Amino acid sequence: MKFLSGVIAICCALWLHVYVYGLEQSSAAGFNNVFNFYAFCLFSLGIVSIYLSYKEKE
């Protein structure tokens, strides 16, 4: 389950990066740099979750 949640978190983080890039390029008023930090944290959480799932299998 940790592996699946890690993969989902990484996929969501990548889609959030695409969304933030689109907001940034369109100069939308709703753009906020906090989204970049949130995407980075979500990606990091996914990596940690996958690492813990592999460590648990050993």
C-alpha atoms as a PDB file:
ATOM      1  CA  MET A   1       0.000   0.000   0.000  1.00  0.00           C
ATOM      2  CA  LYS A   2       2.908   2.340   0.680  1.00  0.00           C
ATOM      3  CA  PHE A   3       4.232   1.708  -2.813  1.00  0.00           C
ATOM      4  CA  LEU A   4       0.881   2.529  -4.410  1.00  0.00           C
ATOM      5  CA  SER A   5       0.478   5.705  -2.386  1.00  0.00           C
ATOM      6  CA  GLY A   6       4.030   6.719  -3.340  1.00  0.00           C
ATOM      7  CA  VAL A   7       3.331   6.226  -7.035  1.00  0.00           C
ATOM      8  CA  ILE A   8       0.083   8.176  -6.784  1.00  0.00           C
ATOM      9  CA  ALA A   9       1.843  11.009  -4.933  1.00  0.00           C
ATOM     10  CA  ILE A  10       4.573  11.212  -7.576  1.00  0.00           C
ATOM     11  CA  CYS A  11       2.020  11.240 -10.414  1.00  0.00           C
ATOM     12  CA  CYS A  12       0.009  13.964  -8.706  1.00  0.00           C
ATOM     13  CA  ALA A  13       3.163  15.996  -8.113  1.00  0.00           C
ATOM     14  CA  LEU A  14       4.136  15.765 -11.777  1.00  0.00           C
ATOM     15  CA  TRP A  15       0.661  16.849 -12.896  1.00  0.00           C
ATOM     16  CA  LEU A  16       0.784  19.705 -10.403  1.00  0.00           C
ATOM     17  CA  HIS A  17       4.093  20.821 -11.942  1.00  0.00           C
ATOM     18  CA  VAL A  18       2.435  20.821 -15.378  1.00  0.00           C
ATOM     19  CA  TYR A  19      -0.483  22.846 -14.001  1.00  0.00           C
ATOM     20  CA  VAL A  20       1.809  25.348 -12.269  1.00  0.00           C
ATOM     21  CA  TYR A  21       3.874  25.712 -15.442  1.00  0.00           C
ATOM     22  CA  GLY A  22       0.702  26.490 -17.398  1.00  0.00           C
ATOM     23  CA  LEU A  23      -0.388  29.064 -14.838  1.00  0.00           C
ATOM     24  CA  GLU A  24       3.030  30.659 -14.902  1.00  0.00           C
ATOM     25  CA  GLN A  25       3.157  30.873 -18.696  1.00  0.00           C
ATOM     26  CA  SER A  26      -0.347  32.276 -19.028  1.00  0.00           C
ATOM     27  CA  SER A  27       0.364  34.932 -16.391  1.00  0.00           C
ATOM     28  CA  ALA A  28      -2.798  33.969 -14.568  1.00  0.00           C
ATOM     29  CA  ALA A  29      -3.778  36.005 -11.543  1.00  0.00           C
ATOM     30  CA  GLY A  30      -4.206  32.803  -9.532  1.00  0.00           C
ATOM     31  CA  PHE A  31      -0.540  31.847  -9.779  1.00  0.00           C
ATOM     32  CA  ASN A  32       1.195  31.525  -6.433  1.00  0.00           C
ATOM     33  CA  ASN A  33       4.713  30.228  -5.694  1.00  0.00           C
ATOM     34  CA  VAL A  34       3.316  28.132  -2.844  1.00  0.00           C
ATOM     35  CA  PHE A  35       2.141  25.644  -5.504  1.00  0.00           C
ATOM     36  CA  ASN A  36       5.777  24.965  -6.445  1.00  0.00           C
ATOM     37  CA  PHE A  37       6.615  24.188  -2.830  1.00  0.00           C
ATOM     38  CA  TYR A  38       3.545  21.964  -2.485  1.00  0.00           C
ATOM     39  CA  ALA A  39       4.471  20.006  -5.608  1.00  0.00           C
ATOM     40  CA  PHE A  40       8.019  19.533  -4.335  1.00  0.00           C
ATOM     41  CA  CYS A  41       6.754  18.295  -0.952  1.00  0.00           C
ATOM     42  CA  LEU A  42       4.320  15.901  -2.626  1.00  0.00           C
ATOM     43  CA  PHE A  43       7.091  14.526  -4.840  1.00  0.00           C
ATOM     44  CA  SER A  44       9.382  14.093  -1.824  1.00  0.00           C
ATOM     45  CA  LEU A  45       6.632  12.323   0.086  1.00  0.00           C
ATOM     46  CA  GLY A  46       6.177   9.924  -2.823  1.00  0.00           C
ATOM     47  CA  ILE A  47       9.899   9.116  -2.927  1.00  0.00           C
ATOM     48  CA  VAL A  48       9.992   8.512   0.832  1.00  0.00           C
ATOM     49  CA  SER A  49       6.911   6.306   0.641  1.00  0.00           C
ATOM     50  CA  ILE A  50       8.401   4.150  -2.135  1.00  0.00           C
ATOM     51  CA  TYR A  51      11.691   3.907  -0.241  1.00  0.00           C
ATOM     52  CA  LEU A  52       9.892   2.780   2.916  1.00  0.00           C
ATOM     53  CA  SER A  53       7.913   0.172   0.984  1.00  0.00           C
ATOM     54  CA  TYR A  54      11.126  -1.347  -0.399  1.00  0.00           C
ATOM     55  CA  LYS A  55      12.804  -1.184   2.996  1.00  0.00           C
ATOM     56  CA  GLU A  56       9.791  -2.958   4.561  1.00  0.00           C
ATOM     57  CA  LYS A  57      10.084  -5.852   2.081  1.00  0.00           C
ATOM     58  CA  GLU A  58      13.648  -6.673   3.182  1.00  0.00           C
END
